[in-house]
PDB file of all heavy atoms in Angstrom:
ATOM      1  N   ILE A   1      49.529  17.694  59.197  1.00  0.00           N
ATOM      2  CA  ILE A   1      49.513  17.135  57.890  1.00  0.00           C
ATOM      3  C   ILE A   1      49.311  18.176  56.757  1.00  0.00           C
ATOM      4  O   ILE A   1      50.031  18.086  55.737  1.00  0.00           O
ATOM      5  CB  ILE A   1      48.446  16.018  57.858  1.00  0.00           C
ATOM      6  CG1 ILE A   1      48.752  14.825  58.735  1.00  0.00           C
ATOM      7  CG2 ILE A   1      48.157  15.537  56.391  1.00  0.00           C
ATOM      8  CD1 ILE A   1      47.663  13.862  58.978  1.00  0.00           C
ATOM      9  N   ARG A   2      48.399  19.040  57.022  1.00  0.00           N
ATOM     10  CA  ARG A   2      48.147  20.095  55.989  1.00  0.00           C
ATOM     11  C   ARG A   2      49.366  20.943  55.731  1.00  0.00           C
ATOM     12  O   ARG A   2      49.801  21.264  54.612  1.00  0.00           O
ATOM     13  CB  ARG A   2      46.974  21.081  56.438  1.00  0.00           C
ATOM     14  CG  ARG A   2      46.521  22.132  55.397  1.00  0.00           C
ATOM     15  CD  ARG A   2      45.825  23.209  56.014  1.00  0.00           C
ATOM     16  NE  ARG A   2      46.564  23.992  57.009  1.00  0.00           N
ATOM     17  CZ  ARG A   2      47.586  24.844  56.556  1.00  0.00           C
ATOM     18  NH1 ARG A   2      47.901  25.053  55.431  1.00  0.00           N
ATOM     19  NH2 ARG A   2      48.250  25.493  57.463  1.00  0.00           N
ATOM     20  N   ILE A   3      50.135  21.267  56.743  1.00  0.00           N
ATOM     21  CA  ILE A   3      51.323  21.964  56.639  1.00  0.00           C
ATOM     22  C   ILE A   3      52.427  21.292  55.969  1.00  0.00           C
ATOM     23  O   ILE A   3      53.078  21.825  54.978  1.00  0.00           O
ATOM     24  CB  ILE A   3      51.785  22.597  58.068  1.00  0.00           C
ATOM     25  CG1 ILE A   3      50.810  23.616  58.638  1.00  0.00           C
ATOM     26  CG2 ILE A   3      53.287  23.018  57.985  1.00  0.00           C
ATOM     27  CD1 ILE A   3      51.054  23.950  60.054  1.00  0.00           C
ATOM     28  N   GLU A   4      52.505  19.970  56.214  1.00  0.00           N
ATOM     29  CA  GLU A   4      53.538  19.150  55.655  1.00  0.00           C
ATOM     30  C   GLU A   4      53.187  19.049  54.105  1.00  0.00           C
ATOM     31  O   GLU A   4      54.158  19.127  53.245  1.00  0.00           O
ATOM     32  CB  GLU A   4      53.506  17.813  56.197  1.00  0.00           C
ATOM     33  CG  GLU A   4      54.601  16.851  55.765  1.00  0.00           C
ATOM     34  CD  GLU A   4      56.000  17.326  56.101  1.00  0.00           C
ATOM     35  OE1 GLU A   4      56.170  17.975  57.150  1.00  0.00           O
ATOM     36  OE2 GLU A   4      56.926  16.979  55.305  1.00  0.00           O
ATOM     37  N   ILE A   5      51.913  18.762  53.712  1.00  0.00           N
ATOM     38  CA  ILE A   5      51.655  18.746  52.312  1.00  0.00           C
ATOM     39  C   ILE A   5      51.901  20.124  51.665  1.00  0.00           C
ATOM     40  O   ILE A   5      52.447  20.064  50.503  1.00  0.00           O
ATOM     41  CB  ILE A   5      50.111  18.342  52.151  1.00  0.00           C
ATOM     42  CG1 ILE A   5      49.881  16.968  52.576  1.00  0.00           C
ATOM     43  CG2 ILE A   5      49.620  18.540  50.727  1.00  0.00           C
ATOM     44  CD1 ILE A   5      48.461  16.462  52.716  1.00  0.00           C
ATOM     45  N   GLU A   6      51.611  21.210  52.292  1.00  0.00           N
ATOM     46  CA  GLU A   6      51.790  22.500  51.703  1.00  0.00           C
ATOM     47  C   GLU A   6      53.340  22.697  51.436  1.00  0.00           C
ATOM     48  O   GLU A   6      53.714  23.451  50.497  1.00  0.00           O
ATOM     49  CB  GLU A   6      51.276  23.573  52.612  1.00  0.00           C
ATOM     50  CG  GLU A   6      51.390  24.945  52.047  1.00  0.00           C
ATOM     51  CD  GLU A   6      50.835  25.905  53.073  1.00  0.00           C
ATOM     52  OE1 GLU A   6      50.975  25.873  54.282  1.00  0.00           O
ATOM     53  OE2 GLU A   6      50.324  26.952  52.514  1.00  0.00           O
ATOM     54  N   SER A   7      54.224  22.227  52.230  1.00  0.00           N
ATOM     55  CA  SER A   7      55.584  22.396  52.093  1.00  0.00           C
ATOM     56  C   SER A   7      56.388  21.471  51.112  1.00  0.00           C
ATOM     57  O   SER A   7      57.473  21.738  50.847  1.00  0.00           O
ATOM     58  CB  SER A   7      56.294  22.289  53.535  1.00  0.00           C
ATOM     59  OG  SER A   7      56.263  20.962  53.921  1.00  0.00           O
ATOM     60  N   LEU A   8      55.678  20.480  50.561  1.00  0.00           N
ATOM     61  CA  LEU A   8      56.266  19.620  49.604  1.00  0.00           C
ATOM     62  C   LEU A   8      56.678  20.318  48.378  1.00  0.00           C
ATOM     63  O   LEU A   8      55.924  21.255  47.928  1.00  0.00           O
ATOM     64  CB  LEU A   8      55.318  18.488  49.342  1.00  0.00           C
ATOM     65  CG  LEU A   8      54.979  17.431  50.480  1.00  0.00           C
ATOM     66  CD1 LEU A   8      53.877  16.516  50.023  1.00  0.00           C
ATOM     67  CD2 LEU A   8      56.214  16.738  50.883  1.00  0.00           C
ATOM     68  N   GLU A   9      57.784  19.903  47.822  1.00  0.00           N
ATOM     69  CA  GLU A   9      58.160  20.439  46.520  1.00  0.00           C
ATOM     70  C   GLU A   9      58.094  19.383  45.462  1.00  0.00           C
ATOM     71  O   GLU A   9      58.524  18.211  45.668  1.00  0.00           O
ATOM     72  CB  GLU A   9      59.584  21.085  46.689  1.00  0.00           C
ATOM     73  CG  GLU A   9      59.726  22.193  47.614  1.00  0.00           C
ATOM     74  CD  GLU A   9      61.116  22.937  47.613  1.00  0.00           C
ATOM     75  OE1 GLU A   9      61.859  22.555  46.710  1.00  0.00           O
ATOM     76  OE2 GLU A   9      61.230  23.624  48.583  1.00  0.00           O
ATOM     77  N   PHE A  10      57.669  19.801  44.277  1.00  0.00           N
ATOM     78  CA  PHE A  10      57.567  18.888  43.170  1.00  0.00           C
ATOM     79  C   PHE A  10      58.286  19.369  41.945  1.00  0.00           C
ATOM     80  O   PHE A  10      58.738  20.529  41.910  1.00  0.00           O
ATOM     81  CB  PHE A  10      56.018  18.740  42.833  1.00  0.00           C
ATOM     82  CG  PHE A  10      55.188  18.179  43.936  1.00  0.00           C
ATOM     83  CD1 PHE A  10      54.566  18.959  44.874  1.00  0.00           C
ATOM     84  CD2 PHE A  10      55.065  16.822  44.101  1.00  0.00           C
ATOM     85  CE1 PHE A  10      53.815  18.549  45.823  1.00  0.00           C
ATOM     86  CE2 PHE A  10      54.300  16.280  45.079  1.00  0.00           C
ATOM     87  CZ  PHE A  10      53.652  17.069  46.013  1.00  0.00           C
ATOM     88  N   ASP A  11      58.429  18.557  40.921  1.00  0.00           N
ATOM     89  CA  ASP A  11      59.237  18.912  39.765  1.00  0.00           C
ATOM     90  C   ASP A  11      58.426  19.804  38.832  1.00  0.00           C
ATOM     91  O   ASP A  11      58.934  20.304  37.815  1.00  0.00           O
ATOM     92  CB  ASP A  11      59.532  17.604  38.981  1.00  0.00           C
ATOM     93  CG  ASP A  11      60.588  16.799  39.648  1.00  0.00           C
ATOM     94  OD1 ASP A  11      61.253  17.354  40.537  1.00  0.00           O
ATOM     95  OD2 ASP A  11      60.611  15.655  39.461  1.00  0.00           O
ATOM     96  N   PHE A  12      57.174  20.158  39.037  1.00  0.00           N
ATOM     97  CA  PHE A  12      56.416  20.978  38.300  1.00  0.00           C
ATOM     98  C   PHE A  12      56.191  22.291  39.113  1.00  0.00           C
ATOM     99  O   PHE A  12      56.332  22.329  40.300  1.00  0.00           O
ATOM    100  CB  PHE A  12      55.027  20.356  37.897  1.00  0.00           C
ATOM    101  CG  PHE A  12      54.286  19.755  39.063  1.00  0.00           C
ATOM    102  CD1 PHE A  12      53.416  20.436  39.722  1.00  0.00           C
ATOM    103  CD2 PHE A  12      54.436  18.325  39.277  1.00  0.00           C
ATOM    104  CE1 PHE A  12      52.600  19.991  40.814  1.00  0.00           C
ATOM    105  CE2 PHE A  12      53.680  17.754  40.253  1.00  0.00           C
ATOM    106  CZ  PHE A  12      52.816  18.539  41.048  1.00  0.00           C
ATOM    107  N   ASP A  13      55.872  23.334  38.342  1.00  0.00           N
ATOM    108  CA  ASP A  13      55.842  24.602  38.966  1.00  0.00           C
ATOM    109  C   ASP A  13      54.460  25.003  39.514  1.00  0.00           C
ATOM    110  O   ASP A  13      53.822  25.988  39.113  1.00  0.00           O
ATOM    111  CB  ASP A  13      56.205  25.752  37.832  1.00  0.00           C
ATOM    112  CG  ASP A  13      56.463  27.073  38.485  1.00  0.00           C
ATOM    113  OD1 ASP A  13      56.787  27.193  39.630  1.00  0.00           O
ATOM    114  OD2 ASP A  13      56.195  28.056  37.818  1.00  0.00           O
ATOM    115  N   ARG A  14      54.069  24.182  40.523  1.00  0.00           N
ATOM    116  CA  ARG A  14      52.711  24.496  41.097  1.00  0.00           C
ATOM    117  C   ARG A  14      52.859  24.056  42.689  1.00  0.00           C
ATOM    118  O   ARG A  14      53.601  23.234  42.987  1.00  0.00           O
ATOM    119  CB  ARG A  14      51.565  23.603  40.578  1.00  0.00           C
ATOM    120  CG  ARG A  14      51.280  24.054  39.221  1.00  0.00           C
ATOM    121  CD  ARG A  14      50.126  23.337  38.559  1.00  0.00           C
ATOM    122  NE  ARG A  14      48.974  24.209  38.938  1.00  0.00           N
ATOM    123  CZ  ARG A  14      47.789  23.862  38.760  1.00  0.00           C
ATOM    124  NH1 ARG A  14      47.499  22.594  38.290  1.00  0.00           N
ATOM    125  NH2 ARG A  14      46.794  24.561  38.883  1.00  0.00           N
ATOM    126  N   LYS A  15      52.143  24.779  43.543  1.00  0.00           N
ATOM    127  CA  LYS A  15      52.088  24.392  44.928  1.00  0.00           C
ATOM    128  C   LYS A  15      50.798  23.557  45.153  1.00  0.00           C
ATOM    129  O   LYS A  15      49.868  23.732  44.376  1.00  0.00           O
ATOM    130  CB  LYS A  15      51.972  25.680  45.841  1.00  0.00           C
ATOM    131  CG  LYS A  15      53.197  26.567  45.817  1.00  0.00           C
ATOM    132  CD  LYS A  15      54.357  25.930  46.378  1.00  0.00           C
ATOM    133  CE  LYS A  15      54.426  26.049  47.899  1.00  0.00           C
ATOM    134  NZ  LYS A  15      55.447  25.422  48.575  1.00  0.00           N
ATOM    135  N   ILE A  16      50.993  22.637  45.998  1.00  0.00           N
ATOM    136  CA  ILE A  16      49.867  21.718  46.288  1.00  0.00           C
ATOM    137  C   ILE A  16      49.337  22.107  47.763  1.00  0.00           C
ATOM    138  O   ILE A  16      50.140  22.309  48.652  1.00  0.00           O
ATOM    139  CB  ILE A  16      50.264  20.279  46.379  1.00  0.00           C
ATOM    140  CG1 ILE A  16      50.914  19.880  45.023  1.00  0.00           C
ATOM    141  CG2 ILE A  16      49.157  19.316  46.729  1.00  0.00           C
ATOM    142  CD1 ILE A  16      49.835  19.844  43.849  1.00  0.00           C
ATOM    143  N   SER A  17      48.054  22.140  47.924  1.00  0.00           N
ATOM    144  CA  SER A  17      47.468  22.430  49.181  1.00  0.00           C
ATOM    145  C   SER A  17      46.289  21.547  49.357  1.00  0.00           C
ATOM    146  O   SER A  17      45.891  20.780  48.467  1.00  0.00           O
ATOM    147  CB  SER A  17      47.016  23.842  49.278  1.00  0.00           C
ATOM    148  OG  SER A  17      46.013  24.153  48.402  1.00  0.00           O
ATOM    149  N   CYS A  18      45.746  21.507  50.564  1.00  0.00           N
ATOM    150  CA  CYS A  18      44.603  20.594  50.849  1.00  0.00           C
ATOM    151  C   CYS A  18      43.706  21.226  51.996  1.00  0.00           C
ATOM    152  O   CYS A  18      44.236  22.034  52.678  1.00  0.00           O
ATOM    153  CB  CYS A  18      45.026  19.221  51.182  1.00  0.00           C
ATOM    154  SG  CYS A  18      46.170  19.255  52.572  1.00  0.00           S
ATOM    155  N   SER A  19      42.516  20.805  51.941  1.00  0.00           N
ATOM    156  CA  SER A  19      41.617  21.246  52.953  1.00  0.00           C
ATOM    157  C   SER A  19      40.982  19.971  53.556  1.00  0.00           C
ATOM    158  O   SER A  19      40.905  18.924  52.974  1.00  0.00           O
ATOM    159  CB  SER A  19      40.429  22.105  52.448  1.00  0.00           C
ATOM    160  OG  SER A  19      40.970  23.357  51.963  1.00  0.00           O
ATOM    161  N   PHE A  20      40.649  20.033  54.914  1.00  0.00           N
ATOM    162  CA  PHE A  20      40.114  18.932  55.571  1.00  0.00           C
ATOM    163  C   PHE A  20      38.943  19.291  56.264  1.00  0.00           C
ATOM    164  O   PHE A  20      38.846  20.429  56.870  1.00  0.00           O
ATOM    165  CB  PHE A  20      41.163  18.334  56.585  1.00  0.00           C
ATOM    166  CG  PHE A  20      42.386  17.824  55.978  1.00  0.00           C
ATOM    167  CD1 PHE A  20      43.532  18.575  55.785  1.00  0.00           C
ATOM    168  CD2 PHE A  20      42.412  16.417  55.683  1.00  0.00           C
ATOM    169  CE1 PHE A  20      44.616  17.990  55.274  1.00  0.00           C
ATOM    170  CE2 PHE A  20      43.559  15.927  55.155  1.00  0.00           C
ATOM    171  CZ  PHE A  20      44.728  16.669  54.898  1.00  0.00           C
ATOM    172  N   GLY A  21      37.909  18.457  56.336  1.00  0.00           N
ATOM    173  CA  GLY A  21      36.707  18.647  57.296  1.00  0.00           C
ATOM    174  C   GLY A  21      36.795  17.442  58.255  1.00  0.00           C
ATOM    175  O   GLY A  21      36.862  16.262  57.664  1.00  0.00           O
ATOM    176  N   ILE A  22      36.918  17.665  59.519  1.00  0.00           N
ATOM    177  CA  ILE A  22      37.011  16.502  60.427  1.00  0.00           C
ATOM    178  C   ILE A  22      35.911  16.554  61.487  1.00  0.00           C
ATOM    179  O   ILE A  22      35.533  17.670  61.906  1.00  0.00           O
ATOM    180  CB  ILE A  22      38.363  16.466  61.056  1.00  0.00           C
ATOM    181  CG1 ILE A  22      38.638  17.798  61.811  1.00  0.00           C
ATOM    182  CG2 ILE A  22      39.547  16.311  60.071  1.00  0.00           C
ATOM    183  CD1 ILE A  22      39.866  17.627  62.621  1.00  0.00           C
ATOM    184  N   CYS A  23      35.458  15.394  61.910  1.00  0.00           N
ATOM    185  CA  CYS A  23      34.478  15.247  63.038  1.00  0.00           C
ATOM    186  C   CYS A  23      34.861  14.006  63.830  1.00  0.00           C
ATOM    187  O   CYS A  23      35.541  13.095  63.337  1.00  0.00           O
ATOM    188  CB  CYS A  23      33.086  15.050  62.409  1.00  0.00           C
ATOM    189  SG  CYS A  23      32.398  16.536  61.782  1.00  0.00           S
ATOM    190  N   SER A  24      34.455  14.015  65.010  1.00  0.00           N
ATOM    191  CA  SER A  24      34.674  12.834  65.838  1.00  0.00           C
ATOM    192  C   SER A  24      33.394  12.542  66.615  1.00  0.00           C
ATOM    193  O   SER A  24      32.500  13.496  66.766  1.00  0.00           O
ATOM    194  CB  SER A  24      35.814  12.909  66.858  1.00  0.00           C
ATOM    195  OG  SER A  24      35.567  13.923  67.709  1.00  0.00           O
ATOM    196  N   GLY A  25      33.116  11.363  67.040  1.00  0.00           N
ATOM    197  CA  GLY A  25      31.912  11.089  67.823  1.00  0.00           C
ATOM    198  C   GLY A  25      31.867   9.594  67.937  1.00  0.00           C
ATOM    199  O   GLY A  25      32.531   8.756  67.341  1.00  0.00           O
ATOM    200  N   ILE A  26      30.899   9.210  68.874  1.00  0.00           N
ATOM    201  CA  ILE A  26      30.763   7.750  69.032  1.00  0.00           C
ATOM    202  C   ILE A  26      29.412   7.385  68.260  1.00  0.00           C
ATOM    203  O   ILE A  26      28.457   8.090  68.184  1.00  0.00           O
ATOM    204  CB  ILE A  26      30.376   7.543  70.486  1.00  0.00           C
ATOM    205  CG1 ILE A  26      31.628   7.921  71.421  1.00  0.00           C
ATOM    206  CG2 ILE A  26      29.969   6.071  70.757  1.00  0.00           C
ATOM    207  CD1 ILE A  26      31.409   7.853  72.863  1.00  0.00           C
ATOM    208  N   VAL A  27      29.697   6.310  67.405  1.00  0.00           N
ATOM    209  CA  VAL A  27      28.659   5.981  66.485  1.00  0.00           C
ATOM    210  C   VAL A  27      28.102   4.504  66.849  1.00  0.00           C
ATOM    211  O   VAL A  27      28.841   3.604  66.987  1.00  0.00           O
ATOM    212  CB  VAL A  27      29.279   5.871  65.112  1.00  0.00           C
ATOM    213  CG1 VAL A  27      28.313   5.378  64.133  1.00  0.00           C
ATOM    214  CG2 VAL A  27      29.781   7.290  64.614  1.00  0.00           C
ATOM    215  N   ASN A  28      26.798   4.473  67.036  1.00  0.00           N
ATOM    216  CA  ASN A  28      26.116   3.243  67.443  1.00  0.00           C
ATOM    217  C   ASN A  28      25.122   2.715  66.481  1.00  0.00           C
ATOM    218  O   ASN A  28      24.670   1.678  66.642  1.00  0.00           O
ATOM    219  CB  ASN A  28      25.399   3.427  68.766  1.00  0.00           C
ATOM    220  CG  ASN A  28      26.291   3.775  69.952  1.00  0.00           C
ATOM    221  OD1 ASN A  28      27.293   3.144  70.175  1.00  0.00           O
ATOM    222  ND2 ASN A  28      26.042   4.843  70.680  1.00  0.00           N
ATOM    223  N   SER A  29      25.109   3.451  65.296  1.00  0.00           N
ATOM    224  CA  SER A  29      24.078   2.942  64.331  1.00  0.00           C
ATOM    225  C   SER A  29      24.530   3.513  62.944  1.00  0.00           C
ATOM    226  O   SER A  29      25.380   4.423  62.855  1.00  0.00           O
ATOM    227  CB  SER A  29      22.699   3.351  64.586  1.00  0.00           C
ATOM    228  OG  SER A  29      22.552   4.779  64.417  1.00  0.00           O
ATOM    229  N   LEU A  30      24.025   2.864  61.884  1.00  0.00           N
ATOM    230  CA  LEU A  30      24.390   3.452  60.552  1.00  0.00           C
ATOM    231  C   LEU A  30      23.823   4.860  60.391  1.00  0.00           C
ATOM    232  O   LEU A  30      24.521   5.743  59.774  1.00  0.00           O
ATOM    233  CB  LEU A  30      23.717   2.547  59.484  1.00  0.00           C
ATOM    234  CG  LEU A  30      23.915   3.003  58.066  1.00  0.00           C
ATOM    235  CD1 LEU A  30      25.440   2.914  57.666  1.00  0.00           C
ATOM    236  CD2 LEU A  30      23.216   1.942  57.171  1.00  0.00           C
ATOM    237  N   ASP A  31      22.730   5.186  60.911  1.00  0.00           N
ATOM    238  CA  ASP A  31      22.187   6.591  60.894  1.00  0.00           C
ATOM    239  C   ASP A  31      23.077   7.521  61.594  1.00  0.00           C
ATOM    240  O   ASP A  31      23.418   8.637  61.100  1.00  0.00           O
ATOM    241  CB  ASP A  31      20.761   6.646  61.555  1.00  0.00           C
ATOM    242  CG  ASP A  31      19.751   6.066  60.645  1.00  0.00           C
ATOM    243  OD1 ASP A  31      19.905   5.755  59.456  1.00  0.00           O
ATOM    244  OD2 ASP A  31      18.613   5.695  61.214  1.00  0.00           O
ATOM    245  N   GLU A  32      23.685   7.215  62.742  1.00  0.00           N
ATOM    246  CA  GLU A  32      24.563   7.990  63.418  1.00  0.00           C
ATOM    247  C   GLU A  32      25.938   8.312  62.581  1.00  0.00           C
ATOM    248  O   GLU A  32      26.513   9.339  62.476  1.00  0.00           O
ATOM    249  CB  GLU A  32      24.965   7.492  64.808  1.00  0.00           C
ATOM    250  CG  GLU A  32      23.642   7.603  65.787  1.00  0.00           C
ATOM    251  CD  GLU A  32      24.088   7.095  67.090  1.00  0.00           C
ATOM    252  OE1 GLU A  32      25.180   6.449  67.310  1.00  0.00           O
ATOM    253  OE2 GLU A  32      23.169   7.077  67.941  1.00  0.00           O
ATOM    254  N   PHE A  33      26.366   7.129  61.930  1.00  0.00           N
ATOM    255  CA  PHE A  33      27.580   7.203  61.104  1.00  0.00           C
ATOM    256  C   PHE A  33      27.314   8.166  59.993  1.00  0.00           C
ATOM    257  O   PHE A  33      28.153   9.006  59.622  1.00  0.00           O
ATOM    258  CB  PHE A  33      27.858   5.731  60.620  1.00  0.00           C
ATOM    259  CG  PHE A  33      29.053   5.763  59.545  1.00  0.00           C
ATOM    260  CD1 PHE A  33      30.309   6.025  59.983  1.00  0.00           C
ATOM    261  CD2 PHE A  33      28.796   5.635  58.282  1.00  0.00           C
ATOM    262  CE1 PHE A  33      31.370   6.038  59.140  1.00  0.00           C
ATOM    263  CE2 PHE A  33      29.730   5.692  57.305  1.00  0.00           C
ATOM    264  CZ  PHE A  33      31.122   5.885  57.768  1.00  0.00           C
ATOM    265  N   GLU A  34      26.131   8.011  59.321  1.00  0.00           N
ATOM    266  CA  GLU A  34      25.888   8.800  58.163  1.00  0.00           C
ATOM    267  C   GLU A  34      25.816  10.303  58.548  1.00  0.00           C
ATOM    268  O   GLU A  34      26.236  11.223  57.835  1.00  0.00           O
ATOM    269  CB  GLU A  34      24.564   8.437  57.424  1.00  0.00           C
ATOM    270  CG  GLU A  34      24.766   7.126  56.650  1.00  0.00           C
ATOM    271  CD  GLU A  34      23.491   6.476  56.120  1.00  0.00           C
ATOM    272  OE1 GLU A  34      22.392   6.945  56.506  1.00  0.00           O
ATOM    273  OE2 GLU A  34      23.580   5.527  55.452  1.00  0.00           O
ATOM    274  N   ALA A  35      25.221  10.631  59.630  1.00  0.00           N
ATOM    275  CA  ALA A  35      25.161  11.976  60.189  1.00  0.00           C
ATOM    276  C   ALA A  35      26.516  12.489  60.587  1.00  0.00           C
ATOM    277  O   ALA A  35      26.777  13.692  60.196  1.00  0.00           O
ATOM    278  CB  ALA A  35      24.246  12.038  61.422  1.00  0.00           C
ATOM    279  N   LEU A  36      27.377  11.682  61.039  1.00  0.00           N
ATOM    280  CA  LEU A  36      28.803  12.137  61.283  1.00  0.00           C
ATOM    281  C   LEU A  36      29.475  12.458  60.023  1.00  0.00           C
ATOM    282  O   LEU A  36      30.201  13.424  59.915  1.00  0.00           O
ATOM    283  CB  LEU A  36      29.544  11.034  62.086  1.00  0.00           C
ATOM    284  CG  LEU A  36      30.911  11.476  62.569  1.00  0.00           C
ATOM    285  CD1 LEU A  36      30.760  12.500  63.606  1.00  0.00           C
ATOM    286  CD2 LEU A  36      31.627  10.194  63.223  1.00  0.00           C
ATOM    287  N   VAL A  37      29.335  11.576  59.027  1.00  0.00           N
ATOM    288  CA  VAL A  37      29.912  11.824  57.666  1.00  0.00           C
ATOM    289  C   VAL A  37      29.475  13.189  57.106  1.00  0.00           C
ATOM    290  O   VAL A  37      30.160  13.885  56.515  1.00  0.00           O
ATOM    291  CB  VAL A  37      29.777  10.648  56.787  1.00  0.00           C
ATOM    292  CG1 VAL A  37      30.146  10.983  55.329  1.00  0.00           C
ATOM    293  CG2 VAL A  37      30.531   9.423  57.279  1.00  0.00           C
ATOM    294  N   LYS A  38      28.179  13.367  57.200  1.00  0.00           N
ATOM    295  CA  LYS A  38      27.580  14.656  56.627  1.00  0.00           C
ATOM    296  C   LYS A  38      28.127  15.826  57.374  1.00  0.00           C
ATOM    297  O   LYS A  38      28.342  16.845  56.737  1.00  0.00           O
ATOM    298  CB  LYS A  38      26.054  14.579  56.798  1.00  0.00           C
ATOM    299  CG  LYS A  38      25.345  13.727  55.753  1.00  0.00           C
ATOM    300  CD  LYS A  38      23.877  13.892  55.887  1.00  0.00           C
ATOM    301  CE  LYS A  38      23.174  12.877  54.903  1.00  0.00           C
ATOM    302  NZ  LYS A  38      21.717  12.955  54.933  1.00  0.00           N
ATOM    303  N   ARG A  39      28.283  15.739  58.617  1.00  0.00           N
ATOM    304  CA  ARG A  39      28.886  16.870  59.381  1.00  0.00           C
ATOM    305  C   ARG A  39      30.356  17.094  58.967  1.00  0.00           C
ATOM    306  O   ARG A  39      30.764  18.317  58.777  1.00  0.00           O
ATOM    307  CB  ARG A  39      28.840  16.611  60.864  1.00  0.00           C
ATOM    308  CG  ARG A  39      27.388  16.720  61.480  1.00  0.00           C
ATOM    309  CD  ARG A  39      27.261  16.339  62.925  1.00  0.00           C
ATOM    310  NE  ARG A  39      28.261  17.023  63.734  1.00  0.00           N
ATOM    311  CZ  ARG A  39      28.907  16.458  64.839  1.00  0.00           C
ATOM    312  NH1 ARG A  39      28.581  15.193  65.102  1.00  0.00           N
ATOM    313  NH2 ARG A  39      29.726  17.098  65.535  1.00  0.00           N
ATOM    314  N   ALA A  40      31.052  16.050  58.703  1.00  0.00           N
ATOM    315  CA  ALA A  40      32.487  16.232  58.236  1.00  0.00           C
ATOM    316  C   ALA A  40      32.426  16.727  56.838  1.00  0.00           C
ATOM    317  O   ALA A  40      33.293  17.625  56.482  1.00  0.00           O
ATOM    318  CB  ALA A  40      33.183  14.881  58.324  1.00  0.00           C
ATOM    319  N   ASP A  41      31.527  16.390  55.992  1.00  0.00           N
ATOM    320  CA  ASP A  41      31.419  16.901  54.639  1.00  0.00           C
ATOM    321  C   ASP A  41      31.145  18.350  54.655  1.00  0.00           C
ATOM    322  O   ASP A  41      31.652  19.190  53.921  1.00  0.00           O
ATOM    323  CB  ASP A  41      30.418  16.129  53.841  1.00  0.00           C
ATOM    324  CG  ASP A  41      30.361  16.402  52.342  1.00  0.00           C
ATOM    325  OD1 ASP A  41      31.484  16.377  51.700  1.00  0.00           O
ATOM    326  OD2 ASP A  41      29.346  16.757  51.802  1.00  0.00           O
ATOM    327  N   LYS A  42      30.240  18.791  55.536  1.00  0.00           N
ATOM    328  CA  LYS A  42      29.875  20.142  55.709  1.00  0.00           C
ATOM    329  C   LYS A  42      31.059  20.997  56.150  1.00  0.00           C
ATOM    330  O   LYS A  42      31.289  22.129  55.702  1.00  0.00           O
ATOM    331  CB  LYS A  42      28.701  20.311  56.660  1.00  0.00           C
ATOM    332  CG  LYS A  42      28.054  21.670  56.737  1.00  0.00           C
ATOM    333  CD  LYS A  42      26.921  21.660  57.671  1.00  0.00           C
ATOM    334  CE  LYS A  42      26.200  22.891  57.702  1.00  0.00           C
ATOM    335  NZ  LYS A  42      24.988  22.931  58.538  1.00  0.00           N
ATOM    336  N   ALA A  43      31.859  20.465  57.005  1.00  0.00           N
ATOM    337  CA  ALA A  43      32.966  21.083  57.542  1.00  0.00           C
ATOM    338  C   ALA A  43      34.043  21.254  56.394  1.00  0.00           C
ATOM    339  O   ALA A  43      34.756  22.276  56.231  1.00  0.00           O
ATOM    340  CB  ALA A  43      33.615  20.379  58.694  1.00  0.00           C
ATOM    341  N   LEU A  44      34.181  20.277  55.517  1.00  0.00           N
ATOM    342  CA  LEU A  44      35.146  20.406  54.363  1.00  0.00           C
ATOM    343  C   LEU A  44      34.721  21.479  53.412  1.00  0.00           C
ATOM    344  O   LEU A  44      35.486  22.229  53.002  1.00  0.00           O
ATOM    345  CB  LEU A  44      35.140  19.002  53.626  1.00  0.00           C
ATOM    346  CG  LEU A  44      35.917  18.951  52.388  1.00  0.00           C
ATOM    347  CD1 LEU A  44      37.348  19.340  52.592  1.00  0.00           C
ATOM    348  CD2 LEU A  44      35.816  17.595  51.718  1.00  0.00           C
TER     349      LEU A  44
END
């Protein structure tokens, strides 16, 4: 996806890029979900 976005051409004279922070895990509670989101945010 990152490569595809980077290769897009627009009518203005700028390149577009993006960064991603990704995590996966099994979430059984709100606390675990929030911890997973924090880890993804840190990776971003």
